[in-house]
Amino acid sequence: MTPLLKYIDAWIANDPDRIAAAVHVQCTITECYGPVYLGRERVREWASTWFGSGGVVHRWTVTDHFRHGDREAAQWQFECTWDGNRSAFEGATVCRNDGDLVLELREYQTTAPLYEWKGSWH
């Protein structure tokens, strides 16, 4: 399993220790909604706090993925509960690895439901 897929799998398992084990000690994780987490221990703290506050990952389905050298990218569908609200969205991750660990990871999410354009915008 690639570093990015191990990281995603650890979030699906709702396991802060596995999440931390998937990243480099000097990693940089940039979330789609703004926060940046620097280093393995900060990532572990973030995941522990998120799950401890009631966060649940219900699904994180990778719909497309590739790896070339130390780079990976994936498109996915994500569903979670946060702050009592269940929500889902699509997104993508771009990742750089150091061996079998995530070194840099940046996530992007869609900001509106996707639709086929037929001459006018929704």
PDB file of N, CA and C in Angstrom:
ATOM      1  N   MET A   1       0.857  -1.176   0.000  1.00  0.00           N
ATOM      2  CA  MET A   1       0.000   0.000   0.000  1.00  0.00           C
ATOM      3  C   MET A   1       0.904   1.241   0.000  1.00  0.00           C
ATOM      4  N   THR A   2       0.548   2.230  -0.775  1.00  0.00           N
ATOM      5  CA  THR A   2       1.359   3.443  -0.886  1.00  0.00           C
ATOM      6  C   THR A   2       1.197   4.314   0.367  1.00  0.00           C
ATOM      7  N   PRO A   3       2.116   5.269   0.592  1.00  0.00           N
ATOM      8  CA  PRO A   3       1.999   6.145   1.767  1.00  0.00           C
ATOM      9  C   PRO A   3       0.669   6.894   1.846  1.00  0.00           C
ATOM     10  N   LEU A   4       0.213   7.460   0.733  1.00  0.00           N
ATOM     11  CA  LEU A   4      -1.045   8.193   0.748  1.00  0.00           C
ATOM     12  C   LEU A   4      -2.212   7.272   1.084  1.00  0.00           C
ATOM     13  N   LEU A   5      -2.246   6.091   0.486  1.00  0.00           N
ATOM     14  CA  LEU A   5      -3.340   5.162   0.758  1.00  0.00           C
ATOM     15  C   LEU A   5      -3.297   4.656   2.195  1.00  0.00           C
ATOM     16  N   LYS A   6      -2.106   4.489   2.779  1.00  0.00           N
ATOM     17  CA  LYS A   6      -2.009   4.124   4.202  1.00  0.00           C
ATOM     18  C   LYS A   6      -2.567   5.236   5.082  1.00  0.00           C
ATOM     19  N   TYR A   7      -2.278   6.488   4.724  1.00  0.00           N
ATOM     20  CA  TYR A   7      -2.775   7.637   5.469  1.00  0.00           C
ATOM     21  C   TYR A   7      -4.302   7.684   5.424  1.00  0.00           C
ATOM     22  N   ILE A   8      -4.868   7.530   4.230  1.00  0.00           N
ATOM     23  CA  ILE A   8      -6.321   7.533   4.076  1.00  0.00           C
ATOM     24  C   ILE A   8      -6.934   6.372   4.856  1.00  0.00           C
ATOM     25  N   ASP A   9      -6.353   5.196   4.746  1.00  0.00           N
ATOM     26  CA  ASP A   9      -6.856   4.021   5.444  1.00  0.00           C
ATOM     27  C   ASP A   9      -6.858   4.226   6.962  1.00  0.00           C
ATOM     28  N   ALA A  10      -5.850   4.910   7.484  1.00  0.00           N
ATOM     29  CA  ALA A  10      -5.774   5.183   8.924  1.00  0.00           C
ATOM     30  C   ALA A  10      -6.895   6.111   9.369  1.00  0.00           C
ATOM     31  N   TRP A  11      -7.256   7.093   8.534  1.00  0.00           N
ATOM     32  CA  TRP A  11      -8.384   7.975   8.862  1.00  0.00           C
ATOM     33  C   TRP A  11      -9.693   7.188   8.835  1.00  0.00           C
ATOM     34  N   ILE A  12      -9.851   6.299   7.863  1.00  0.00           N
ATOM     35  CA  ILE A  12     -11.056   5.464   7.803  1.00  0.00           C
ATOM     36  C   ILE A  12     -11.166   4.615   9.069  1.00  0.00           C
ATOM     37  N   ALA A  13     -10.030   4.154   9.575  1.00  0.00           N
ATOM     38  CA  ALA A  13     -10.011   3.342  10.801  1.00  0.00           C
ATOM     39  C   ALA A  13     -10.218   4.191  12.054  1.00  0.00           C
ATOM     40  N   ASN A  14     -10.258   5.523  11.903  1.00  0.00           N
ATOM     41  CA  ASN A  14     -10.416   6.435  13.041  1.00  0.00           C
ATOM     42  C   ASN A  14      -9.331   6.187  14.087  1.00  0.00           C
ATOM     43  N   ASP A  15      -8.075   6.095  13.626  1.00  0.00           N
ATOM     44  CA  ASP A  15      -6.961   5.698  14.487  1.00  0.00           C
ATOM     45  C   ASP A  15      -5.827   6.724  14.445  1.00  0.00           C
ATOM     46  N   PRO A  16      -5.756   7.625  15.434  1.00  0.00           N
ATOM     47  CA  PRO A  16      -4.714   8.667  15.452  1.00  0.00           C
ATOM     48  C   PRO A  16      -3.291   8.120  15.425  1.00  0.00           C
ATOM     49  N   ASP A  17      -3.043   6.977  16.069  1.00  0.00           N
ATOM     50  CA  ASP A  17      -1.688   6.415  16.065  1.00  0.00           C
ATOM     51  C   ASP A  17      -1.294   5.918  14.681  1.00  0.00           C
ATOM     52  N   ARG A  18      -2.224   5.293  13.975  1.00  0.00           N
ATOM     53  CA  ARG A  18      -1.940   4.855  12.599  1.00  0.00           C
ATOM     54  C   ARG A  18      -1.768   6.050  11.675  1.00  0.00           C
ATOM     55  N   ILE A  19      -2.546   7.106  11.891  1.00  0.00           N
ATOM     56  CA  ILE A  19      -2.395   8.321  11.085  1.00  0.00           C
ATOM     57  C   ILE A  19      -0.995   8.877  11.279  1.00  0.00           C
ATOM     58  N   ALA A  20      -0.568   9.009  12.532  1.00  0.00           N
ATOM     59  CA  ALA A  20       0.767   9.529  12.835  1.00  0.00           C
ATOM     60  C   ALA A  20       1.856   8.631  12.267  1.00  0.00           C
ATOM     61  N   ALA A  21       1.652   7.332  12.315  1.00  0.00           N
ATOM     62  CA  ALA A  21       2.653   6.388  11.800  1.00  0.00           C
ATOM     63  C   ALA A  21       2.790   6.472  10.284  1.00  0.00           C
ATOM     64  N   ALA A  22       1.789   7.023   9.601  1.00  0.00           N
ATOM     65  CA  ALA A  22       1.820   7.117   8.141  1.00  0.00           C
ATOM     66  C   ALA A  22       2.574   8.349   7.642  1.00  0.00           C
ATOM     67  N   VAL A  23       2.904   9.284   8.550  1.00  0.00           N
ATOM     68  CA  VAL A  23       3.537  10.533   8.129  1.00  0.00           C
ATOM     69  C   VAL A  23       4.968  10.639   8.646  1.00  0.00           C
ATOM     70  N   HIS A  24       5.763  11.395   7.936  1.00  0.00           N
ATOM     71  CA  HIS A  24       7.163  11.667   8.298  1.00  0.00           C
ATOM     72  C   HIS A  24       7.203  12.525   9.556  1.00  0.00           C
ATOM     73  N   VAL A  25       8.231  12.379  10.347  1.00  0.00           N
ATOM     74  CA  VAL A  25       8.371  13.155  11.585  1.00  0.00           C
ATOM     75  C   VAL A  25       8.358  14.661  11.304  1.00  0.00           C
ATOM     76  N   GLN A  26       8.811  15.070  10.106  1.00  0.00           N
ATOM     77  CA  GLN A  26       8.838  16.491   9.735  1.00  0.00           C
ATOM     78  C   GLN A  26       7.839  16.799   8.618  1.00  0.00           C
ATOM     79  N   CYS A  27       6.683  16.159   8.640  1.00  0.00           N
ATOM     80  CA  CYS A  27       5.693  16.330   7.583  1.00  0.00           C
ATOM     81  C   CYS A  27       5.020  17.698   7.645  1.00  0.00           C
ATOM     82  N   THR A  28       4.393  18.038   6.534  1.00  0.00           N
ATOM     83  CA  THR A  28       3.505  19.199   6.437  1.00  0.00           C
ATOM     84  C   THR A  28       2.206  18.713   5.820  1.00  0.00           C
ATOM     85  N   ILE A  29       1.111  18.846   6.562  1.00  0.00           N
ATOM     86  CA  ILE A  29      -0.212  18.456   6.088  1.00  0.00           C
ATOM     87  C   ILE A  29      -1.050  19.725   5.979  1.00  0.00           C
ATOM     88  N   THR A  30      -1.535  20.029   4.781  1.00  0.00           N
ATOM     89  CA  THR A  30      -2.350  21.225   4.546  1.00  0.00           C
ATOM     90  C   THR A  30      -3.764  20.780   4.212  1.00  0.00           C
ATOM     91  N   GLU A  31      -4.699  21.146   5.074  1.00  0.00           N
ATOM     92  CA  GLU A  31      -6.092  20.769   4.887  1.00  0.00           C
ATOM     93  C   GLU A  31      -6.786  21.730   3.925  1.00  0.00           C
ATOM     94  N   CYS A  32      -7.846  21.244   3.289  1.00  0.00           N
ATOM     95  CA  CYS A  32      -8.575  22.030   2.297  1.00  0.00           C
ATOM     96  C   CYS A  32      -9.286  23.230   2.905  1.00  0.00           C
ATOM     97  N   TYR A  33      -9.519  23.224   4.198  1.00  0.00           N
ATOM     98  CA  TYR A  33     -10.236  24.340   4.830  1.00  0.00           C
ATOM     99  C   TYR A  33      -9.301  25.284   5.578  1.00  0.00           C
ATOM    100  N   GLY A  34      -7.973  25.140   5.411  1.00  0.00           N
ATOM    101  CA  GLY A  34      -7.052  26.145   5.914  1.00  0.00           C
ATOM    102  C   GLY A  34      -5.955  25.729   6.859  1.00  0.00           C
ATOM    103  N   PRO A  35      -6.213  24.861   7.847  1.00  0.00           N
ATOM    104  CA  PRO A  35      -5.139  24.585   8.806  1.00  0.00           C
ATOM    105  C   PRO A  35      -3.967  23.826   8.193  1.00  0.00           C
ATOM    106  N   VAL A  36      -2.792  24.104   8.732  1.00  0.00           N
ATOM    107  CA  VAL A  36      -1.556  23.425   8.343  1.00  0.00           C
ATOM    108  C   VAL A  36      -0.993  22.771   9.598  1.00  0.00           C
ATOM    109  N   TYR A  37      -0.690  21.486   9.500  1.00  0.00           N
ATOM    110  CA  TYR A  37      -0.152  20.725  10.630  1.00  0.00           C
ATOM    111  C   TYR A  37       1.300  20.382  10.323  1.00  0.00           C
ATOM    112  N   LEU A  38       2.201  20.789  11.207  1.00  0.00           N
ATOM    113  CA  LEU A  38       3.632  20.601  10.997  1.00  0.00           C
ATOM    114  C   LEU A  38       4.167  19.543  11.955  1.00  0.00           C
ATOM    115  N   GLY A  39       4.647  18.443  11.409  1.00  0.00           N
ATOM    116  CA  GLY A  39       5.278  17.404  12.202  1.00  0.00           C
ATOM    117  C   GLY A  39       4.330  16.313  12.662  1.00  0.00           C
ATOM    118  N   ARG A  40       4.894  15.120  12.835  1.00  0.00           N
ATOM    119  CA  ARG A  40       4.124  13.935  13.215  1.00  0.00           C
ATOM    120  C   ARG A  40       3.351  14.135  14.517  1.00  0.00           C
ATOM    121  N   GLU A  41       3.977  14.730  15.526  1.00  0.00           N
ATOM    122  CA  GLU A  41       3.292  14.864  16.819  1.00  0.00           C
ATOM    123  C   GLU A  41       2.105  15.821  16.738  1.00  0.00           C
ATOM    124  N   ARG A  42       2.210  16.870  15.924  1.00  0.00           N
ATOM    125  CA  ARG A  42       1.076  17.779  15.739  1.00  0.00           C
ATOM    126  C   ARG A  42      -0.055  17.060  14.999  1.00  0.00           C
ATOM    127  N   VAL A  43       0.296  16.223  14.022  1.00  0.00           N
ATOM    128  CA  VAL A  43      -0.715  15.451  13.295  1.00  0.00           C
ATOM    129  C   VAL A  43      -1.417  14.497  14.256  1.00  0.00           C
ATOM    130  N   ARG A  44      -0.660  13.824  15.120  1.00  0.00           N
ATOM    131  CA  ARG A  44      -1.268  12.918  16.109  1.00  0.00           C
ATOM    132  C   ARG A  44      -2.213  13.702  17.044  1.00  0.00           C
ATOM    133  N   GLU A  45      -1.768  14.877  17.491  1.00  0.00           N
ATOM    134  CA  GLU A  45      -2.584  15.714  18.373  1.00  0.00           C
ATOM    135  C   GLU A  45      -3.875  16.143  17.672  1.00  0.00           C
ATOM    136  N   TRP A  46      -3.757  16.583  16.421  1.00  0.00           N
ATOM    137  CA  TRP A  46      -4.922  16.991  15.641  1.00  0.00           C
ATOM    138  C   TRP A  46      -5.909  15.834  15.506  1.00  0.00           C
ATOM    139  N   ALA A  47      -5.424  14.651  15.087  1.00  0.00           N
ATOM    140  CA  ALA A  47      -6.318  13.505  14.896  1.00  0.00           C
ATOM    141  C   ALA A  47      -6.964  13.095  16.215  1.00  0.00           C
ATOM    142  N   SER A  48      -6.191  13.050  17.287  1.00  0.00           N
ATOM    143  CA  SER A  48      -6.738  12.682  18.600  1.00  0.00           C
ATOM    144  C   SER A  48      -7.801  13.675  19.045  1.00  0.00           C
ATOM    145  N   THR A  49      -7.547  14.951  18.842  1.00  0.00           N
ATOM    146  CA  THR A  49      -8.508  15.989  19.213  1.00  0.00           C
ATOM    147  C   THR A  49      -9.756  15.897  18.357  1.00  0.00           C
ATOM    148  N   TRP A  50      -9.588  15.668  17.068  1.00  0.00           N
ATOM    149  CA  TRP A  50     -10.721  15.582  16.142  1.00  0.00           C
ATOM    150  C   TRP A  50     -11.620  14.399  16.519  1.00  0.00           C
ATOM    151  N   PHE A  51     -11.036  13.220  16.675  1.00  0.00           N
ATOM    152  CA  PHE A  51     -11.829  12.045  17.044  1.00  0.00           C
ATOM    153  C   PHE A  51     -12.391  12.192  18.460  1.00  0.00           C
ATOM    154  N   GLY A  52     -11.602  12.737  19.384  1.00  0.00           N
ATOM    155  CA  GLY A  52     -12.045  12.935  20.756  1.00  0.00           C
ATOM    156  C   GLY A  52     -13.195  13.915  20.883  1.00  0.00           C
ATOM    157  N   SER A  53     -13.334  14.803  19.896  1.00  0.00           N
ATOM    158  CA  SER A  53     -14.433  15.782  19.890  1.00  0.00           C
ATOM    159  C   SER A  53     -15.666  15.258  19.162  1.00  0.00           C
ATOM    160  N   GLY A  54     -15.653  13.972  18.818  1.00  0.00           N
ATOM    161  CA  GLY A  54     -16.809  13.364  18.169  1.00  0.00           C
ATOM    162  C   GLY A  54     -16.700  13.212  16.674  1.00  0.00           C
ATOM    163  N   GLY A  55     -15.572  13.565  16.087  1.00  0.00           N
ATOM    164  CA  GLY A  55     -15.402  13.392  14.645  1.00  0.00           C
ATOM    165  C   GLY A  55     -15.386  11.916  14.272  1.00  0.00           C
ATOM    166  N   VAL A  56     -16.039  11.590  13.157  1.00  0.00           N
ATOM    167  CA  VAL A  56     -16.082  10.214  12.652  1.00  0.00           C
ATOM    168  C   VAL A  56     -15.912  10.257  11.139  1.00  0.00           C
ATOM    169  N   VAL A  57     -15.001   9.461  10.619  1.00  0.00           N
ATOM    170  CA  VAL A  57     -14.892   9.282   9.168  1.00  0.00           C
ATOM    171  C   VAL A  57     -15.749   8.073   8.819  1.00  0.00           C
ATOM    172  N   HIS A  58     -16.807   8.299   8.036  1.00  0.00           N
ATOM    173  CA  HIS A  58     -17.691   7.213   7.636  1.00  0.00           C
ATOM    174  C   HIS A  58     -17.186   6.519   6.379  1.00  0.00           C
ATOM    175  N   ARG A  59     -16.638   7.315   5.469  1.00  0.00           N
ATOM    176  CA  ARG A  59     -16.069   6.718   4.249  1.00  0.00           C
ATOM    177  C   ARG A  59     -15.129   7.718   3.606  1.00  0.00           C
ATOM    178  N   TRP A  60     -14.111   7.184   2.969  1.00  0.00           N
ATOM    179  CA  TRP A  60     -13.167   7.965   2.185  1.00  0.00           C
ATOM    180  C   TRP A  60     -12.802   7.077   1.007  1.00  0.00           C
ATOM    181  N   THR A  61     -13.552   7.193  -0.065  1.00  0.00           N
ATOM    182  CA  THR A  61     -13.432   6.300  -1.209  1.00  0.00           C
ATOM    183  C   THR A  61     -12.547   6.936  -2.281  1.00  0.00           C
ATOM    184  N   VAL A  62     -11.443   6.305  -2.572  1.00  0.00           N
ATOM    185  CA  VAL A  62     -10.538   6.775  -3.622  1.00  0.00           C
ATOM    186  C   VAL A  62     -11.105   6.328  -4.958  1.00  0.00           C
ATOM    187  N   THR A  63     -11.347   7.297  -5.851  1.00  0.00           N
ATOM    188  CA  THR A  63     -11.927   6.998  -7.158  1.00  0.00           C
ATOM    189  C   THR A  63     -10.894   7.003  -8.275  1.00  0.00           C
ATOM    190  N   ASP A  64      -9.738   7.602  -8.019  1.00  0.00           N
ATOM    191  CA  ASP A  64      -8.636   7.605  -8.991  1.00  0.00           C
ATOM    192  C   ASP A  64      -7.356   7.869  -8.212  1.00  0.00           C
ATOM    193  N   HIS A  65      -6.276   7.217  -8.593  1.00  0.00           N
ATOM    194  CA  HIS A  65      -5.023   7.339  -7.849  1.00  0.00           C
ATOM    195  C   HIS A  65      -3.863   7.014  -8.776  1.00  0.00           C
ATOM    196  N   PHE A  66      -2.771   7.754  -8.619  1.00  0.00           N
ATOM    197  CA  PHE A  66      -1.546   7.358  -9.294  1.00  0.00           C
ATOM    198  C   PHE A  66      -0.351   7.731  -8.434  1.00  0.00           C
ATOM    199  N   ARG A  67       0.738   7.029  -8.694  1.00  0.00           N
ATOM    200  CA  ARG A  67       2.010   7.299  -8.020  1.00  0.00           C
ATOM    201  C   ARG A  67       3.100   7.274  -9.069  1.00  0.00           C
ATOM    202  N   HIS A  68       3.982   8.255  -8.995  1.00  0.00           N
ATOM    203  CA  HIS A  68       5.150   8.304  -9.871  1.00  0.00           C
ATOM    204  C   HIS A  68       6.321   8.802  -9.031  1.00  0.00           C
ATOM    205  N   GLY A  69       7.296   7.956  -8.816  1.00  0.00           N
ATOM    206  CA  GLY A  69       8.436   8.330  -7.980  1.00  0.00           C
ATOM    207  C   GLY A  69       7.968   8.641  -6.568  1.00  0.00           C
ATOM    208  N   ASP A  70       8.327   9.838  -6.084  1.00  0.00           N
ATOM    209  CA  ASP A  70       7.938  10.219  -4.719  1.00  0.00           C
ATOM    210  C   ASP A  70       6.642  11.021  -4.681  1.00  0.00           C
ATOM    211  N   ARG A  71       5.902  11.067  -5.786  1.00  0.00           N
ATOM    212  CA  ARG A  71       4.658  11.852  -5.870  1.00  0.00           C
ATOM    213  C   ARG A  71       3.457  10.924  -5.990  1.00  0.00           C
ATOM    214  N   GLU A  72       2.358  11.363  -5.366  1.00  0.00           N
ATOM    215  CA  GLU A  72       1.082  10.663  -5.477  1.00  0.00           C
ATOM    216  C   GLU A  72      -0.023  11.691  -5.603  1.00  0.00           C
ATOM    217  N   ALA A  73      -1.086  11.273  -6.246  1.00  0.00           N
ATOM    218  CA  ALA A  73      -2.293  12.098  -6.292  1.00  0.00           C
ATOM    219  C   ALA A  73      -3.488  11.165  -6.296  1.00  0.00           C
ATOM    220  N   ALA A  74      -4.564  11.628  -5.696  1.00  0.00           N
ATOM    221  CA  ALA A  74      -5.790  10.837  -5.653  1.00  0.00           C
ATOM    222  C   ALA A  74      -7.001  11.763  -5.716  1.00  0.00           C
ATOM    223  N   GLN A  75      -8.041  11.282  -6.362  1.00  0.00           N
ATOM    224  CA  GLN A  75      -9.358  11.911  -6.291  1.00  0.00           C
ATOM    225  C   GLN A  75     -10.196  11.007  -5.401  1.00  0.00           C
ATOM    226  N   TRP A  76     -11.145  11.601  -4.668  1.00  0.00           N
ATOM    227  CA  TRP A  76     -11.886  10.796  -3.701  1.00  0.00           C
ATOM    228  C   TRP A  76     -13.235  11.401  -3.358  1.00  0.00           C
ATOM    229  N   GLN A  77     -14.030  10.592  -2.668  1.00  0.00           N
ATOM    230  CA  GLN A  77     -15.295  11.005  -2.079  1.00  0.00           C
ATOM    231  C   GLN A  77     -15.162  10.789  -0.577  1.00  0.00           C
ATOM    232  N   PHE A  78     -15.537  11.774   0.202  1.00  0.00           N
ATOM    233  CA  PHE A  78     -15.324  11.758   1.650  1.00  0.00           C
ATOM    234  C   PHE A  78     -16.647  12.018   2.364  1.00  0.00           C
ATOM    235  N   GLU A  79     -16.877  11.279   3.444  1.00  0.00           N
ATOM    236  CA  GLU A  79     -18.068  11.490   4.266  1.00  0.00           C
ATOM    237  C   GLU A  79     -17.676  11.366   5.726  1.00  0.00           C
ATOM    238  N   CYS A  80     -18.091  12.355   6.508  1.00  0.00           N
ATOM    239  CA  CYS A  80     -17.759  12.344   7.926  1.00  0.00           C
ATOM    240  C   CYS A  80     -18.857  13.014   8.738  1.00  0.00           C
ATOM    241  N   THR A  81     -18.755  12.835  10.054  1.00  0.00           N
ATOM    242  CA  THR A  81     -19.568  13.600  10.984  1.00  0.00           C
ATOM    243  C   THR A  81     -18.625  14.479  11.779  1.00  0.00           C
ATOM    244  N   TRP A  82     -18.919  15.760  11.810  1.00  0.00           N
ATOM    245  CA  TRP A  82     -18.159  16.715  12.607  1.00  0.00           C
ATOM    246  C   TRP A  82     -19.143  17.681  13.253  1.00  0.00           C
ATOM    247  N   ASP A  83     -18.948  17.925  14.514  1.00  0.00           N
ATOM    248  CA  ASP A  83     -19.785  18.855  15.254  1.00  0.00           C
ATOM    249  C   ASP A  83     -21.269  18.490  15.136  1.00  0.00           C
ATOM    250  N   GLY A  84     -21.540  17.179  15.121  1.00  0.00           N
ATOM    251  CA  GLY A  84     -22.913  16.694  15.053  1.00  0.00           C
ATOM    252  C   GLY A  84     -23.541  16.708  13.677  1.00  0.00           C
ATOM    253  N   ASN A  85     -22.805  17.159  12.659  1.00  0.00           N
ATOM    254  CA  ASN A  85     -23.342  17.251  11.294  1.00  0.00           C
ATOM    255  C   ASN A  85     -22.652  16.250  10.380  1.00  0.00           C
ATOM    256  N   ARG A  86     -23.435  15.436   9.731  1.00  0.00           N
ATOM    257  CA  ARG A  86     -22.889  14.501   8.750  1.00  0.00           C
ATOM    258  C   ARG A  86     -22.878  15.190   7.392  1.00  0.00           C
ATOM    259  N   SER A  87     -21.746  15.107   6.707  1.00  0.00           N
ATOM    260  CA  SER A  87     -21.626  15.743   5.393  1.00  0.00           C
ATOM    261  C   SER A  87     -20.716  14.920   4.495  1.00  0.00           C
ATOM    262  N   ALA A  88     -20.803  15.198   3.204  1.00  0.00           N
ATOM    263  CA  ALA A  88     -19.981  14.504   2.215  1.00  0.00           C
ATOM    264  C   ALA A  88     -19.557  15.494   1.146  1.00  0.00           C
ATOM    265  N   PHE A  89     -18.388  15.256   0.582  1.00  0.00           N
ATOM    266  CA  PHE A  89     -17.906  16.074  -0.520  1.00  0.00           C
ATOM    267  C   PHE A  89     -16.866  15.294  -1.307  1.00  0.00           C
ATOM    268  N   GLU A  90     -16.559  15.796  -2.490  1.00  0.00           N
ATOM    269  CA  GLU A  90     -15.508  15.213  -3.320  1.00  0.00           C
ATOM    270  C   GLU A  90     -14.273  16.083  -3.221  1.00  0.00           C
ATOM    271  N   GLY A  91     -13.122  15.477  -3.477  1.00  0.00           N
ATOM    272  CA  GLY A  91     -11.894  16.243  -3.415  1.00  0.00           C
ATOM    273  C   GLY A  91     -10.733  15.511  -4.039  1.00  0.00           C
ATOM    274  N   ALA A  92      -9.546  16.086  -3.800  1.00  0.00           N
ATOM    275  CA  ALA A  92      -8.316  15.509  -4.328  1.00  0.00           C
ATOM    276  C   ALA A  92      -7.172  15.791  -3.361  1.00  0.00           C
ATOM    277  N   THR A  93      -6.183  14.928  -3.408  1.00  0.00           N
ATOM    278  CA  THR A  93      -4.987  15.072  -2.582  1.00  0.00           C
ATOM    279  C   THR A  93      -3.762  14.983  -3.473  1.00  0.00           C
ATOM    280  N   VAL A  94      -2.808  15.865  -3.227  1.00  0.00           N
ATOM    281  CA  VAL A  94      -1.504  15.822  -3.870  1.00  0.00           C
ATOM    282  C   VAL A  94      -0.498  15.580  -2.753  1.00  0.00           C
ATOM    283  N   CYS A  95       0.417  14.656  -2.974  1.00  0.00           N
ATOM    284  CA  CYS A  95       1.275  14.197  -1.889  1.00  0.00           C
ATOM    285  C   CYS A  95       2.707  13.984  -2.388  1.00  0.00           C
ATOM    286  N   ARG A  96       3.663  14.280  -1.517  1.00  0.00           N
ATOM    287  CA  ARG A  96       5.075  13.950  -1.766  1.00  0.00           C
ATOM    288  C   ARG A  96       5.521  13.064  -0.618  1.00  0.00           C
ATOM    289  N   ASN A  97       6.224  11.996  -0.943  1.00  0.00           N
ATOM    290  CA  ASN A  97       6.617  11.005   0.045  1.00  0.00           C
ATOM    291  C   ASN A  97       8.124  10.994   0.275  1.00  0.00           C
ATOM    292  N   ASP A  98       8.488  10.486   1.442  1.00  0.00           N
ATOM    293  CA  ASP A  98       9.881  10.169   1.762  1.00  0.00           C
ATOM    294  C   ASP A  98       9.879   8.692   2.137  1.00  0.00           C
ATOM    295  N   GLY A  99      10.276   7.842   1.194  1.00  0.00           N
ATOM    296  CA  GLY A  99      10.176   6.402   1.421  1.00  0.00           C
ATOM    297  C   GLY A  99       8.723   5.999   1.525  1.00  0.00           C
ATOM    298  N   ASP A 100       8.357   5.267   2.625  1.00  0.00           N
ATOM    299  CA  ASP A 100       6.950   4.896   2.783  1.00  0.00           C
ATOM    300  C   ASP A 100       6.193   5.800   3.726  1.00  0.00           C
ATOM    301  N   LEU A 101       6.630   7.036   3.863  1.00  0.00           N
ATOM    302  CA  LEU A 101       5.939   8.001   4.724  1.00  0.00           C
ATOM    303  C   LEU A 101       5.515   9.240   3.937  1.00  0.00           C
ATOM    304  N   VAL A 102       4.392   9.797   4.310  1.00  0.00           N
ATOM    305  CA  VAL A 102       3.927  11.049   3.718  1.00  0.00           C
ATOM    306  C   VAL A 102       4.803  12.178   4.251  1.00  0.00           C
ATOM    307  N   LEU A 103       5.410  12.939   3.355  1.00  0.00           N
ATOM    308  CA  LEU A 103       6.233  14.077   3.754  1.00  0.00           C
ATOM    309  C   LEU A 103       5.449  15.384   3.628  1.00  0.00           C
ATOM    310  N   GLU A 104       4.797  15.583   2.507  1.00  0.00           N
ATOM    311  CA  GLU A 104       3.965  16.763   2.276  1.00  0.00           C
ATOM    312  C   GLU A 104       2.653  16.303   1.662  1.00  0.00           C
ATOM    313  N   LEU A 105       1.561  16.846   2.157  1.00  0.00           N
ATOM    314  CA  LEU A 105       0.251  16.462   1.661  1.00  0.00           C
ATOM    315  C   LEU A 105      -0.621  17.708   1.637  1.00  0.00           C
ATOM    316  N   ARG A 106      -1.339  17.876   0.528  1.00  0.00           N
ATOM    317  CA  ARG A 106      -2.257  19.018   0.406  1.00  0.00           C
ATOM    318  C   ARG A 106      -3.571  18.517  -0.149  1.00  0.00           C
ATOM    319  N   GLU A 107      -4.666  18.913   0.512  1.00  0.00           N
ATOM    320  CA  GLU A 107      -5.982  18.463   0.093  1.00  0.00           C
ATOM    321  C   GLU A 107      -6.820  19.607  -0.446  1.00  0.00           C
ATOM    322  N   TYR A 108      -7.674  19.255  -1.400  1.00  0.00           N
ATOM    323  CA  TYR A 108      -8.584  20.198  -2.039  1.00  0.00           C
ATOM    324  C   TYR A 108      -9.976  19.580  -2.020  1.00  0.00           C
ATOM    325  N   GLN A 109     -11.016  20.397  -1.861  1.00  0.00           N
ATOM    326  CA  GLN A 109     -12.374  19.880  -1.897  1.00  0.00           C
ATOM    327  C   GLN A 109     -13.230  20.693  -2.856  1.00  0.00           C
ATOM    328  N   THR A 110     -14.246  20.024  -3.403  1.00  0.00           N
ATOM    329  CA  THR A 110     -15.222  20.757  -4.200  1.00  0.00           C
ATOM    330  C   THR A 110     -16.011  21.659  -3.251  1.00  0.00           C
ATOM    331  N   THR A 111     -16.462  22.770  -3.745  1.00  0.00           N
ATOM    332  CA  THR A 111     -17.180  23.725  -2.891  1.00  0.00           C
ATOM    333  C   THR A 111     -18.664  23.805  -3.225  1.00  0.00           C
ATOM    334  N   ALA A 112     -19.102  23.047  -4.214  1.00  0.00           N
ATOM    335  CA  ALA A 112     -20.512  23.004  -4.590  1.00  0.00           C
ATOM    336  C   ALA A 112     -20.771  21.642  -5.238  1.00  0.00           C
ATOM    337  N   PRO A 113     -22.022  21.200  -5.267  1.00  0.00           N
ATOM    338  CA  PRO A 113     -22.327  19.939  -5.940  1.00  0.00           C
ATOM    339  C   PRO A 113     -21.924  20.009  -7.416  1.00  0.00           C
ATOM    340  N   LEU A 114     -21.379  18.936  -7.935  1.00  0.00           N
ATOM    341  CA  LEU A 114     -20.980  18.883  -9.341  1.00  0.00           C
ATOM    342  C   LEU A 114     -22.204  18.626 -10.215  1.00  0.00           C
ATOM    343  N   TYR A 115     -22.209  19.193 -11.409  1.00  0.00           N
ATOM    344  CA  TYR A 115     -23.306  18.991 -12.349  1.00  0.00           C
ATOM    345  C   TYR A 115     -22.779  19.146 -13.761  1.00  0.00           C
ATOM    346  N   GLU A 116     -23.475  18.545 -14.701  1.00  0.00           N
ATOM    347  CA  GLU A 116     -23.125  18.694 -16.110  1.00  0.00           C
ATOM    348  C   GLU A 116     -23.643  20.028 -16.611  1.00  0.00           C
ATOM    349  N   TRP A 117     -22.777  20.832 -17.178  1.00  0.00           N
ATOM    350  CA  TRP A 117     -23.150  22.149 -17.702  1.00  0.00           C
ATOM    351  C   TRP A 117     -23.911  21.954 -19.008  1.00  0.00           C
ATOM    352  N   LYS A 118     -25.086  22.558 -19.138  1.00  0.00           N
ATOM    353  CA  LYS A 118     -25.902  22.441 -20.344  1.00  0.00           C
ATOM    354  C   LYS A 118     -26.347  23.810 -20.825  1.00  0.00           C
ATOM    355  N   GLY A 119     -25.429  24.778 -20.811  1.00  0.00           N
ATOM    356  CA  GLY A 119     -25.725  26.093 -21.346  1.00  0.00           C
ATOM    357  C   GLY A 119     -25.985  27.164 -20.311  1.00  0.00           C
ATOM    358  N   SER A 120     -26.225  26.764 -19.057  1.00  0.00           N
ATOM    359  CA  SER A 120     -26.409  27.733 -17.993  1.00  0.00           C
ATOM    360  C   SER A 120     -25.809  27.184 -16.703  1.00  0.00           C
ATOM    361  N   TRP A 121     -25.523  28.091 -15.800  1.00  0.00           N
ATOM    362  CA  TRP A 121     -24.898  27.706 -14.538  1.00  0.00           C
ATOM    363  C   TRP A 121     -25.948  27.617 -13.445  1.00  0.00           C
ATOM    364  N   HIS A 122     -25.740  26.723 -12.511  1.00  0.00           N
ATOM    365  CA  HIS A 122     -26.663  26.581 -11.361  1.00  0.00           C
ATOM    366  C   HIS A 122     -26.366  27.612 -10.308  1.00  0.00           C
TER     367      HIS A 122
END
